[in-house]
Structures are given as C-alpha cells and as structure tokens.
PDB file of N, CA and C in Angstrom:
ATOM      1  N   UNK A   1     -43.134  14.042 -26.022  1.00  0.00           N
ATOM      2  CA  UNK A   1     -41.767  13.759 -26.376  1.00  0.00           C
ATOM      3  C   UNK A   1     -40.870  14.219 -25.230  1.00  0.00           C
ATOM      4  N   UNK A   2     -39.970  13.369 -24.799  1.00  0.00           N
ATOM      5  CA  UNK A   2     -39.030  13.695 -23.734  1.00  0.00           C
ATOM      6  C   UNK A   2     -37.622  13.477 -24.281  1.00  0.00           C
ATOM      7  N   UNK A   3     -36.819  14.535 -24.263  1.00  0.00           N
ATOM      8  CA  UNK A   3     -35.446  14.449 -24.760  1.00  0.00           C
ATOM      9  C   UNK A   3     -34.524  15.288 -23.878  1.00  0.00           C
ATOM     10  N   UNK A   4     -33.277  14.867 -23.723  1.00  0.00           N
ATOM     11  CA  UNK A   4     -32.336  15.697 -22.954  1.00  0.00           C
ATOM     12  C   UNK A   4     -31.852  16.872 -23.804  1.00  0.00           C
ATOM     13  N   UNK A   5     -31.636  18.002 -23.167  1.00  0.00           N
ATOM     14  CA  UNK A   5     -31.106  19.184 -23.849  1.00  0.00           C
ATOM     15  C   UNK A   5     -30.126  19.897 -22.928  1.00  0.00           C
ATOM     16  N   UNK A   6     -29.173  20.595 -23.526  1.00  0.00           N
ATOM     17  CA  UNK A   6     -28.359  21.548 -22.791  1.00  0.00           C
ATOM     18  C   UNK A   6     -29.121  22.856 -22.837  1.00  0.00           C
ATOM     19  N   UNK A   7     -29.229  23.535 -21.713  1.00  0.00           N
ATOM     20  CA  UNK A   7     -30.026  24.750 -21.653  1.00  0.00           C
ATOM     21  C   UNK A   7     -29.310  25.782 -20.807  1.00  0.00           C
ATOM     22  N   UNK A   8     -29.828  26.997 -20.842  1.00  0.00           N
ATOM     23  CA  UNK A   8     -29.392  28.021 -19.903  1.00  0.00           C
ATOM     24  C   UNK A   8     -30.567  28.929 -19.610  1.00  0.00           C
ATOM     25  N   UNK A   9     -30.524  29.510 -18.415  1.00  0.00           N
ATOM     26  CA  UNK A   9     -31.519  30.512 -18.040  1.00  0.00           C
ATOM     27  C   UNK A   9     -30.975  31.842 -18.530  1.00  0.00           C
ATOM     28  N   UNK A  10     -31.725  32.496 -19.361  1.00  0.00           N
ATOM     29  CA  UNK A  10     -31.286  33.745 -19.971  1.00  0.00           C
ATOM     30  C   UNK A  10     -31.515  34.915 -19.018  1.00  0.00           C
ATOM     31  N   UNK A  11     -31.007  36.054 -19.387  1.00  0.00           N
ATOM     32  CA  UNK A  11     -31.059  37.249 -18.531  1.00  0.00           C
ATOM     33  C   UNK A  11     -32.471  37.667 -18.150  1.00  0.00           C
ATOM     34  N   UNK A  12     -33.447  37.335 -18.954  1.00  0.00           N
ATOM     35  CA  UNK A  12     -34.831  37.722 -18.657  1.00  0.00           C
ATOM     36  C   UNK A  12     -35.619  36.585 -18.018  1.00  0.00           C
ATOM     37  N   UNK A  13     -34.912  35.602 -17.445  1.00  0.00           N
ATOM     38  CA  UNK A  13     -35.491  34.444 -16.754  1.00  0.00           C
ATOM     39  C   UNK A  13     -36.295  33.524 -17.670  1.00  0.00           C
ATOM     40  N   UNK A  14     -35.997  33.579 -18.960  1.00  0.00           N
ATOM     41  CA  UNK A  14     -36.519  32.572 -19.867  1.00  0.00           C
ATOM     42  C   UNK A  14     -35.448  31.498 -20.011  1.00  0.00           C
ATOM     43  N   UNK A  15     -35.810  30.383 -20.618  1.00  0.00           N
ATOM     44  CA  UNK A  15     -34.892  29.267 -20.791  1.00  0.00           C
ATOM     45  C   UNK A  15     -34.638  29.093 -22.278  1.00  0.00           C
ATOM     46  N   UNK A  16     -33.375  28.949 -22.654  1.00  0.00           N
ATOM     47  CA  UNK A  16     -33.044  28.728 -24.063  1.00  0.00           C
ATOM     48  C   UNK A  16     -32.283  27.411 -24.209  1.00  0.00           C
ATOM     49  N   UNK A  17     -32.522  26.733 -25.335  1.00  0.00           N
ATOM     50  CA  UNK A  17     -31.765  25.539 -25.678  1.00  0.00           C
ATOM     51  C   UNK A  17     -31.573  25.475 -27.183  1.00  0.00           C
ATOM     52  N   UNK A  18     -30.547  24.749 -27.611  1.00  0.00           N
ATOM     53  CA  UNK A  18     -30.268  24.553 -29.035  1.00  0.00           C
ATOM     54  C   UNK A  18     -30.844  23.219 -29.488  1.00  0.00           C
ATOM     55  N   UNK A  19     -31.202  23.163 -30.763  1.00  0.00           N
ATOM     56  CA  UNK A  19     -31.792  21.954 -31.326  1.00  0.00           C
ATOM     57  C   UNK A  19     -31.366  21.810 -32.780  1.00  0.00           C
ATOM     58  N   UNK A  20     -31.317  20.571 -33.225  1.00  0.00           N
ATOM     59  CA  UNK A  20     -31.215  20.324 -34.649  1.00  0.00           C
ATOM     60  C   UNK A  20     -32.618  20.431 -35.233  1.00  0.00           C
ATOM     61  N   UNK A  21     -32.741  20.288 -36.516  1.00  0.00           N
ATOM     62  CA  UNK A  21     -34.069  20.283 -37.134  1.00  0.00           C
ATOM     63  C   UNK A  21     -34.779  18.983 -36.820  1.00  0.00           C
ATOM     64  N   UNK A  22     -36.027  18.887 -37.169  1.00  0.00           N
ATOM     65  CA  UNK A  22     -36.743  17.628 -36.998  1.00  0.00           C
ATOM     66  C   UNK A  22     -37.817  17.672 -35.946  1.00  0.00           C
ATOM     67  N   UNK A  23     -38.090  16.488 -35.376  1.00  0.00           N
ATOM     68  CA  UNK A  23     -39.239  16.315 -34.482  1.00  0.00           C
ATOM     69  C   UNK A  23     -39.141  17.155 -33.220  1.00  0.00           C
ATOM     70  N   UNK A  24     -37.957  17.236 -32.604  1.00  0.00           N
ATOM     71  CA  UNK A  24     -37.826  18.009 -31.358  1.00  0.00           C
ATOM     72  C   UNK A  24     -38.122  19.478 -31.601  1.00  0.00           C
ATOM     73  N   UNK A  25     -37.558  20.050 -32.661  1.00  0.00           N
ATOM     74  CA  UNK A  25     -37.797  21.457 -32.968  1.00  0.00           C
ATOM     75  C   UNK A  25     -39.274  21.694 -33.278  1.00  0.00           C
ATOM     76  N   UNK A  26     -39.863  20.830 -34.077  1.00  0.00           N
ATOM     77  CA  UNK A  26     -41.281  20.982 -34.429  1.00  0.00           C
ATOM     78  C   UNK A  26     -42.178  20.854 -33.200  1.00  0.00           C
ATOM     79  N   UNK A  27     -41.919  19.860 -32.340  1.00  0.00           N
ATOM     80  CA  UNK A  27     -42.752  19.643 -31.159  1.00  0.00           C
ATOM     81  C   UNK A  27     -42.602  20.764 -30.143  1.00  0.00           C
ATOM     82  N   UNK A  28     -41.419  21.356 -30.062  1.00  0.00           N
ATOM     83  CA  UNK A  28     -41.188  22.371 -29.036  1.00  0.00           C
ATOM     84  C   UNK A  28     -41.924  23.673 -29.303  1.00  0.00           C
ATOM     85  N   UNK A  29     -42.361  23.883 -30.501  1.00  0.00           N
ATOM     86  CA  UNK A  29     -43.027  25.146 -30.808  1.00  0.00           C
ATOM     87  C   UNK A  29     -44.535  24.984 -30.982  1.00  0.00           C
ATOM     88  N   UNK A  30     -45.080  23.881 -30.470  1.00  0.00           N
ATOM     89  CA  UNK A  30     -46.534  23.666 -30.519  1.00  0.00           C
ATOM     90  C   UNK A  30     -47.076  23.511 -29.113  1.00  0.00           C
ATOM     91  N   UNK A  31     -47.908  24.417 -28.669  1.00  0.00           N
ATOM     92  CA  UNK A  31     -48.566  24.268 -27.379  1.00  0.00           C
ATOM     93  C   UNK A  31     -47.660  24.491 -26.189  1.00  0.00           C
ATOM     94  N   UNK A  32     -48.034  23.893 -25.067  1.00  0.00           N
ATOM     95  CA  UNK A  32     -47.303  24.024 -23.812  1.00  0.00           C
ATOM     96  C   UNK A  32     -46.150  23.016 -23.794  1.00  0.00           C
ATOM     97  N   UNK A  33     -44.996  23.467 -23.322  1.00  0.00           N
ATOM     98  CA  UNK A  33     -43.826  22.591 -23.189  1.00  0.00           C
ATOM     99  C   UNK A  33     -43.399  22.583 -21.725  1.00  0.00           C
ATOM    100  N   UNK A  34     -42.535  21.645 -21.380  1.00  0.00           N
ATOM    101  CA  UNK A  34     -42.022  21.574 -20.008  1.00  0.00           C
ATOM    102  C   UNK A  34     -40.555  21.173 -20.058  1.00  0.00           C
ATOM    103  N   UNK A  35     -39.813  21.672 -19.076  1.00  0.00           N
ATOM    104  CA  UNK A  35     -38.425  21.273 -18.901  1.00  0.00           C
ATOM    105  C   UNK A  35     -38.232  20.978 -17.421  1.00  0.00           C
ATOM    106  N   UNK A  36     -37.585  19.861 -17.138  1.00  0.00           N
ATOM    107  CA  UNK A  36     -37.364  19.453 -15.751  1.00  0.00           C
ATOM    108  C   UNK A  36     -35.874  19.365 -15.498  1.00  0.00           C
ATOM    109  N   UNK A  37     -35.453  19.904 -14.363  1.00  0.00           N
ATOM    110  CA  UNK A  37     -34.052  19.881 -13.962  1.00  0.00           C
ATOM    111  C   UNK A  37     -33.972  19.296 -12.563  1.00  0.00           C
ATOM    112  N   UNK A  38     -33.083  18.325 -12.393  1.00  0.00           N
ATOM    113  CA  UNK A  38     -32.912  17.648 -11.104  1.00  0.00           C
ATOM    114  C   UNK A  38     -31.448  17.699 -10.694  1.00  0.00           C
ATOM    115  N   UNK A  39     -31.217  17.702  -9.416  1.00  0.00           N
ATOM    116  CA  UNK A  39     -29.861  17.611  -8.867  1.00  0.00           C
ATOM    117  C   UNK A  39     -29.935  16.715  -7.646  1.00  0.00           C
ATOM    118  N   UNK A  40     -29.022  15.757  -7.546  1.00  0.00           N
ATOM    119  CA  UNK A  40     -28.996  14.838  -6.418  1.00  0.00           C
ATOM    120  C   UNK A  40     -27.569  14.742  -5.898  1.00  0.00           C
ATOM    121  N   UNK A  41     -27.424  14.823  -4.582  1.00  0.00           N
ATOM    122  CA  UNK A  41     -26.143  14.617  -3.914  1.00  0.00           C
ATOM    123  C   UNK A  41     -26.324  13.397  -3.009  1.00  0.00           C
ATOM    124  N   UNK A  42     -25.999  12.197  -3.514  1.00  0.00           N
ATOM    125  CA  UNK A  42     -26.244  10.991  -2.714  1.00  0.00           C
ATOM    126  C   UNK A  42     -25.392  10.927  -1.447  1.00  0.00           C
ATOM    127  N   UNK A  43     -24.231  11.535  -1.462  1.00  0.00           N
ATOM    128  CA  UNK A  43     -23.373  11.517  -0.282  1.00  0.00           C
ATOM    129  C   UNK A  43     -24.036  12.210   0.901  1.00  0.00           C
ATOM    130  N   UNK A  44     -24.625  13.377   0.650  1.00  0.00           N
ATOM    131  CA  UNK A  44     -25.281  14.147   1.711  1.00  0.00           C
ATOM    132  C   UNK A  44     -26.789  13.924   1.769  1.00  0.00           C
ATOM    133  N   UNK A  45     -27.296  13.086   0.855  1.00  0.00           N
ATOM    134  CA  UNK A  45     -28.719  12.733   0.803  1.00  0.00           C
ATOM    135  C   UNK A  45     -29.610  13.961   0.697  1.00  0.00           C
ATOM    136  N   UNK A  46     -29.277  14.822  -0.233  1.00  0.00           N
ATOM    137  CA  UNK A  46     -30.082  16.003  -0.517  1.00  0.00           C
ATOM    138  C   UNK A  46     -30.276  16.085  -2.030  1.00  0.00           C
ATOM    139  N   UNK A  47     -31.260  16.828  -2.432  1.00  0.00           N
ATOM    140  CA  UNK A  47     -31.503  17.025  -3.853  1.00  0.00           C
ATOM    141  C   UNK A  47     -32.668  17.963  -4.085  1.00  0.00           C
ATOM    142  N   UNK A  48     -32.920  18.249  -5.335  1.00  0.00           N
ATOM    143  CA  UNK A  48     -34.044  19.090  -5.701  1.00  0.00           C
ATOM    144  C   UNK A  48     -34.486  18.761  -7.119  1.00  0.00           C
ATOM    145  N   UNK A  49     -35.710  19.124  -7.413  1.00  0.00           N
ATOM    146  CA  UNK A  49     -36.281  18.938  -8.737  1.00  0.00           C
ATOM    147  C   UNK A  49     -37.156  20.140  -9.047  1.00  0.00           C
ATOM    148  N   UNK A  50     -36.989  20.714 -10.223  1.00  0.00           N
ATOM    149  CA  UNK A  50     -37.778  21.866 -10.648  1.00  0.00           C
ATOM    150  C   UNK A  50     -38.396  21.550 -11.999  1.00  0.00           C
ATOM    151  N   UNK A  51     -39.674  21.845 -12.144  1.00  0.00           N
ATOM    152  CA  UNK A  51     -40.396  21.665 -13.395  1.00  0.00           C
ATOM    153  C   UNK A  51     -40.900  23.030 -13.848  1.00  0.00           C
ATOM    154  N   UNK A  52     -40.515  23.421 -15.056  1.00  0.00           N
ATOM    155  CA  UNK A  52     -40.951  24.692 -15.637  1.00  0.00           C
ATOM    156  C   UNK A  52     -41.838  24.382 -16.831  1.00  0.00           C
ATOM    157  N   UNK A  53     -43.054  24.911 -16.811  1.00  0.00           N
ATOM    158  CA  UNK A  53     -43.965  24.791 -17.941  1.00  0.00           C
ATOM    159  C   UNK A  53     -44.088  26.151 -18.589  1.00  0.00           C
ATOM    160  N   UNK A  54     -44.295  26.165 -19.889  1.00  0.00           N
ATOM    161  CA  UNK A  54     -44.436  27.444 -20.568  1.00  0.00           C
ATOM    162  C   UNK A  54     -44.676  27.279 -22.055  1.00  0.00           C
ATOM    163  N   UNK A  55     -44.520  28.382 -22.747  1.00  0.00           N
ATOM    164  CA  UNK A  55     -44.651  28.384 -24.199  1.00  0.00           C
ATOM    165  C   UNK A  55     -43.263  28.556 -24.798  1.00  0.00           C
ATOM    166  N   UNK A  56     -43.075  27.985 -25.963  1.00  0.00           N
ATOM    167  CA  UNK A  56     -41.767  28.043 -26.605  1.00  0.00           C
ATOM    168  C   UNK A  56     -41.898  28.643 -27.995  1.00  0.00           C
ATOM    169  N   UNK A  57     -40.805  29.280 -28.414  1.00  0.00           N
ATOM    170  CA  UNK A  57     -40.765  29.795 -29.785  1.00  0.00           C
ATOM    171  C   UNK A  57     -39.346  29.673 -30.314  1.00  0.00           C
ATOM    172  N   UNK A  58     -39.262  29.475 -31.599  1.00  0.00           N
ATOM    173  CA  UNK A  58     -37.993  29.346 -32.288  1.00  0.00           C
ATOM    174  C   UNK A  58     -37.436  30.744 -32.522  1.00  0.00           C
ATOM    175  N   UNK A  59     -36.200  30.981 -32.122  1.00  0.00           N
ATOM    176  CA  UNK A  59     -35.570  32.297 -32.272  1.00  0.00           C
ATOM    177  C   UNK A  59     -34.785  32.356 -33.578  1.00  0.00           C
ATOM    178  N   UNK A  60     -35.468  32.300 -34.691  1.00  0.00           N
ATOM    179  CA  UNK A  60     -34.772  32.239 -35.975  1.00  0.00           C
ATOM    180  C   UNK A  60     -33.981  33.500 -36.287  1.00  0.00           C
ATOM    181  N   UNK A  61     -34.395  34.658 -35.772  1.00  0.00           N
ATOM    182  CA  UNK A  61     -33.659  35.899 -36.028  1.00  0.00           C
ATOM    183  C   UNK A  61     -32.533  36.132 -35.026  1.00  0.00           C
ATOM    184  N   UNK A  62     -32.576  35.484 -33.850  1.00  0.00           N
ATOM    185  CA  UNK A  62     -31.608  35.720 -32.779  1.00  0.00           C
ATOM    186  C   UNK A  62     -30.689  34.533 -32.524  1.00  0.00           C
ATOM    187  N   UNK A  63     -30.777  33.465 -33.302  1.00  0.00           N
ATOM    188  CA  UNK A  63     -30.078  32.242 -32.940  1.00  0.00           C
ATOM    189  C   UNK A  63     -28.564  32.390 -32.893  1.00  0.00           C
ATOM    190  N   UNK A  64     -27.970  33.254 -33.676  1.00  0.00           N
ATOM    191  CA  UNK A  64     -26.518  33.437 -33.630  1.00  0.00           C
ATOM    192  C   UNK A  64     -26.074  34.227 -32.408  1.00  0.00           C
ATOM    193  N   UNK A  65     -26.987  34.960 -31.781  1.00  0.00           N
ATOM    194  CA  UNK A  65     -26.645  35.783 -30.621  1.00  0.00           C
ATOM    195  C   UNK A  65     -26.652  34.995 -29.310  1.00  0.00           C
ATOM    196  N   UNK A  66     -27.186  33.779 -29.316  1.00  0.00           N
ATOM    197  CA  UNK A  66     -27.279  32.980 -28.091  1.00  0.00           C
ATOM    198  C   UNK A  66     -26.029  32.113 -27.955  1.00  0.00           C
ATOM    199  N   UNK A  67     -25.267  32.349 -26.886  1.00  0.00           N
ATOM    200  CA  UNK A  67     -24.047  31.592 -26.620  1.00  0.00           C
ATOM    201  C   UNK A  67     -24.384  30.411 -25.714  1.00  0.00           C
ATOM    202  N   UNK A  68     -24.490  29.225 -26.299  1.00  0.00           N
ATOM    203  CA  UNK A  68     -24.853  28.033 -25.549  1.00  0.00           C
ATOM    204  C   UNK A  68     -24.168  26.827 -26.175  1.00  0.00           C
ATOM    205  N   UNK A  69     -23.279  26.213 -25.417  1.00  0.00           N
ATOM    206  CA  UNK A  69     -22.556  25.036 -25.895  1.00  0.00           C
ATOM    207  C   UNK A  69     -23.417  23.794 -25.700  1.00  0.00           C
ATOM    208  N   UNK A  70     -23.392  22.909 -26.680  1.00  0.00           N
ATOM    209  CA  UNK A  70     -24.097  21.635 -26.548  1.00  0.00           C
ATOM    210  C   UNK A  70     -23.085  20.516 -26.359  1.00  0.00           C
ATOM    211  N   UNK A  71     -23.462  19.484 -25.638  1.00  0.00           N
ATOM    212  CA  UNK A  71     -22.565  18.370 -25.353  1.00  0.00           C
ATOM    213  C   UNK A  71     -22.658  17.273 -26.406  1.00  0.00           C
ATOM    214  N   UNK A  72     -23.829  17.068 -26.929  1.00  0.00           N
ATOM    215  CA  UNK A  72     -24.029  15.987 -27.894  1.00  0.00           C
ATOM    216  C   UNK A  72     -23.398  16.359 -29.242  1.00  0.00           C
ATOM    217  N   UNK A  73     -22.909  15.359 -29.968  1.00  0.00           N
ATOM    218  CA  UNK A  73     -22.329  15.662 -31.279  1.00  0.00           C
ATOM    219  C   UNK A  73     -23.397  16.051 -32.284  1.00  0.00           C
ATOM    220  N   UNK A  74     -22.968  16.707 -33.325  1.00  0.00           N
ATOM    221  CA  UNK A  74     -23.887  17.088 -34.396  1.00  0.00           C
ATOM    222  C   UNK A  74     -24.243  18.556 -34.348  1.00  0.00           C
ATOM    223  N   UNK A  75     -24.822  19.006 -35.414  1.00  0.00           N
ATOM    224  CA  UNK A  75     -25.191  20.411 -35.547  1.00  0.00           C
ATOM    225  C   UNK A  75     -26.505  20.701 -34.840  1.00  0.00           C
ATOM    226  N   UNK A  76     -26.527  21.768 -34.082  1.00  0.00           N
ATOM    227  CA  UNK A  76     -27.742  22.243 -33.400  1.00  0.00           C
ATOM    228  C   UNK A  76     -27.850  23.745 -33.613  1.00  0.00           C
ATOM    229  N   UNK A  77     -28.185  24.154 -34.828  1.00  0.00           N
ATOM    230  CA  UNK A  77     -28.165  25.578 -35.148  1.00  0.00           C
ATOM    231  C   UNK A  77     -29.384  26.366 -34.678  1.00  0.00           C
ATOM    232  N   UNK A  78     -30.449  25.677 -34.307  1.00  0.00           N
ATOM    233  CA  UNK A  78     -31.685  26.368 -33.952  1.00  0.00           C
ATOM    234  C   UNK A  78     -31.758  26.614 -32.449  1.00  0.00           C
ATOM    235  N   UNK A  79     -32.272  27.775 -32.080  1.00  0.00           N
ATOM    236  CA  UNK A  79     -32.419  28.128 -30.672  1.00  0.00           C
ATOM    237  C   UNK A  79     -33.901  28.282 -30.362  1.00  0.00           C
ATOM    238  N   UNK A  80     -34.319  27.666 -29.243  1.00  0.00           N
ATOM    239  CA  UNK A  80     -35.708  27.754 -28.790  1.00  0.00           C
ATOM    240  C   UNK A  80     -35.715  28.434 -27.429  1.00  0.00           C
ATOM    241  N   UNK A  81     -36.639  29.372 -27.240  1.00  0.00           N
ATOM    242  CA  UNK A  81     -36.797  30.071 -25.964  1.00  0.00           C
ATOM    243  C   UNK A  81     -38.113  29.662 -25.323  1.00  0.00           C
ATOM    244  N   UNK A  82     -38.041  29.224 -24.052  1.00  0.00           N
ATOM    245  CA  UNK A  82     -39.238  28.888 -23.283  1.00  0.00           C
ATOM    246  C   UNK A  82     -39.541  30.040 -22.339  1.00  0.00           C
ATOM    247  N   UNK A  83     -40.746  30.577 -22.435  1.00  0.00           N
ATOM    248  CA  UNK A  83     -41.218  31.605 -21.517  1.00  0.00           C
ATOM    249  C   UNK A  83     -42.077  30.919 -20.457  1.00  0.00           C
ATOM    250  N   UNK A  84     -41.605  30.880 -19.212  1.00  0.00           N
ATOM    251  CA  UNK A  84     -42.329  30.146 -18.174  1.00  0.00           C
ATOM    252  C   UNK A  84     -43.700  30.735 -17.865  1.00  0.00           C
ATOM    253  N   UNK A  85     -44.664  29.836 -17.664  1.00  0.00           N
ATOM    254  CA  UNK A  85     -45.988  30.235 -17.190  1.00  0.00           C
ATOM    255  C   UNK A  85     -46.274  29.613 -15.817  1.00  0.00           C
ATOM    256  N   UNK A  86     -45.502  28.556 -15.474  1.00  0.00           N
ATOM    257  CA  UNK A  86     -45.681  27.891 -14.176  1.00  0.00           C
ATOM    258  C   UNK A  86     -44.358  27.238 -13.781  1.00  0.00           C
ATOM    259  N   UNK A  87     -43.967  27.416 -12.529  1.00  0.00           N
ATOM    260  CA  UNK A  87     -42.750  26.805 -12.006  1.00  0.00           C
ATOM    261  C   UNK A  87     -43.103  26.080 -10.711  1.00  0.00           C
ATOM    262  N   UNK A  88     -42.781  24.793 -10.647  1.00  0.00           N
ATOM    263  CA  UNK A  88     -43.021  24.013  -9.434  1.00  0.00           C
ATOM    264  C   UNK A  88     -41.750  23.228  -9.109  1.00  0.00           C
ATOM    265  N   UNK A  89     -41.660  22.764  -7.886  1.00  0.00           N
ATOM    266  CA  UNK A  89     -40.494  21.983  -7.533  1.00  0.00           C
ATOM    267  C   UNK A  89     -40.533  21.530  -6.097  1.00  0.00           C
ATOM    268  N   UNK A  90     -39.497  20.784  -5.739  1.00  0.00           N
ATOM    269  CA  UNK A  90     -39.369  20.337  -4.363  1.00  0.00           C
ATOM    270  C   UNK A  90     -37.904  20.122  -4.044  1.00  0.00           C
ATOM    271  N   UNK A  91     -37.601  20.266  -2.782  1.00  0.00           N
ATOM    272  CA  UNK A  91     -36.255  20.022  -2.265  1.00  0.00           C
ATOM    273  C   UNK A  91     -36.343  18.830  -1.328  1.00  0.00           C
ATOM    274  N   UNK A  92     -35.367  17.951  -1.411  1.00  0.00           N
ATOM    275  CA  UNK A  92     -35.305  16.788  -0.533  1.00  0.00           C
ATOM    276  C   UNK A  92     -34.071  16.960   0.351  1.00  0.00           C
ATOM    277  N   UNK A  93     -34.298  16.877   1.659  1.00  0.00           N
ATOM    278  CA  UNK A  93     -33.198  17.027   2.626  1.00  0.00           C
ATOM    279  C   UNK A  93     -33.202  15.843   3.570  1.00  0.00           C
ATOM    280  N   UNK A  94     -32.056  15.590   4.161  1.00  0.00           N
ATOM    281  CA  UNK A  94     -31.911  14.489   5.109  1.00  0.00           C
ATOM    282  C   UNK A  94     -32.920  14.584   6.243  1.00  0.00           C
ATOM    283  N   UNK A  95     -33.225  15.779   6.725  1.00  0.00           N
ATOM    284  CA  UNK A  95     -34.158  15.914   7.851  1.00  0.00           C
ATOM    285  C   UNK A  95     -35.600  15.611   7.459  1.00  0.00           C
ATOM    286  N   UNK A  96     -35.880  15.379   6.173  1.00  0.00           N
ATOM    287  CA  UNK A  96     -37.215  14.984   5.745  1.00  0.00           C
ATOM    288  C   UNK A  96     -37.411  13.476   5.854  1.00  0.00           C
ATOM    289  N   UNK A  97     -36.329  12.732   6.010  1.00  0.00           N
ATOM    290  CA  UNK A  97     -36.434  11.284   6.093  1.00  0.00           C
ATOM    291  C   UNK A  97     -36.939  10.847   7.462  1.00  0.00           C
ATOM    292  N   UNK A  98     -37.667   9.737   7.505  1.00  0.00           N
ATOM    293  CA  UNK A  98     -38.064   9.150   8.778  1.00  0.00           C
ATOM    294  C   UNK A  98     -36.812   8.686   9.522  1.00  0.00           C
ATOM    295  N   UNK A  99     -36.973   8.374  10.764  1.00  0.00           N
ATOM    296  CA  UNK A  99     -35.818   7.950  11.568  1.00  0.00           C
ATOM    297  C   UNK A  99     -35.173   6.679  11.052  1.00  0.00           C
ATOM    298  N   UNK A 100     -35.914   5.825  10.359  1.00  0.00           N
ATOM    299  CA  UNK A 100     -35.304   4.620   9.823  1.00  0.00           C
ATOM    300  C   UNK A 100     -34.625   4.891   8.474  1.00  0.00           C
ATOM    301  N   UNK A 101     -34.780   6.124   7.940  1.00  0.00           N
ATOM    302  CA  UNK A 101     -34.090   6.499   6.709  1.00  0.00           C
ATOM    303  C   UNK A 101     -34.699   5.964   5.436  1.00  0.00           C
ATOM    304  N   UNK A 102     -35.891   5.354   5.520  1.00  0.00           N
ATOM    305  CA  UNK A 102     -36.461   4.736   4.324  1.00  0.00           C
ATOM    306  C   UNK A 102     -37.638   5.485   3.718  1.00  0.00           C
ATOM    307  N   UNK A 103     -38.232   6.373   4.431  1.00  0.00           N
ATOM    308  CA  UNK A 103     -39.420   7.035   3.903  1.00  0.00           C
ATOM    309  C   UNK A 103     -39.395   8.525   4.180  1.00  0.00           C
ATOM    310  N   UNK A 104     -40.339   9.216   3.607  1.00  0.00           N
ATOM    311  CA  UNK A 104     -40.451  10.657   3.821  1.00  0.00           C
ATOM    312  C   UNK A 104     -41.588  10.958   4.756  1.00  0.00           C
ATOM    313  N   UNK A 105     -41.426  12.032   5.506  1.00  0.00           N
ATOM    314  CA  UNK A 105     -42.495  12.460   6.405  1.00  0.00           C
ATOM    315  C   UNK A 105     -43.617  13.058   5.634  1.00  0.00           C
TER     316      UNK A 105
END
C-alpha cells in the first residue's frame, strides 16, 4: 500500500505520522514499512531522495502528545511511529549530468 502522509522526524530520530482508522492504520502496524521523501529543484537541477525502512507501531497512549498538522481534510486521530532499521538515499546534482545534460555518469 502506498499513500501520502504528513510526517515529522521526532526528537529521537523516529518518524511519526497521523492516520484515520482503516486500511492504512492496519497495514502500517504489520511487518516492515517504508517511507520515501523526495525533494527536487528543477531550476537548479538538484534533488534528493531518501527511503527509510523500519517497524511501525500505533501510539495509542501518546497520540494526544504528538503535535503534527495534517493537510488532508478529515479526522486523523491516530499516531504511528516508525523506528528506522535502514536508511538509504541519493542526491542528484548538476555536476552528475553528462555534458549533453541528458544522462547520469
């Protein structure tokens, strides 16, 4: 399952996000989960992508203590915390492009 979420990196370097009930909440607390974050600056032709894999758990006792605004409408009262087990990523810079600007070295 792939869905967009608003998230934040918490003080202990875990990742938290809010969710409504249903399939996303149920799926996020079973097995290994992943969250991917990308940033692209087309003007300067730079960007990065980070993939964090880990385990997730529902913070049913702490959910009111997590300050995280969501953009999508609707209620998202549940908080899920991802504890990373693997972090990978890459940065793309203009100097990585071939001289013709179409491919990567």
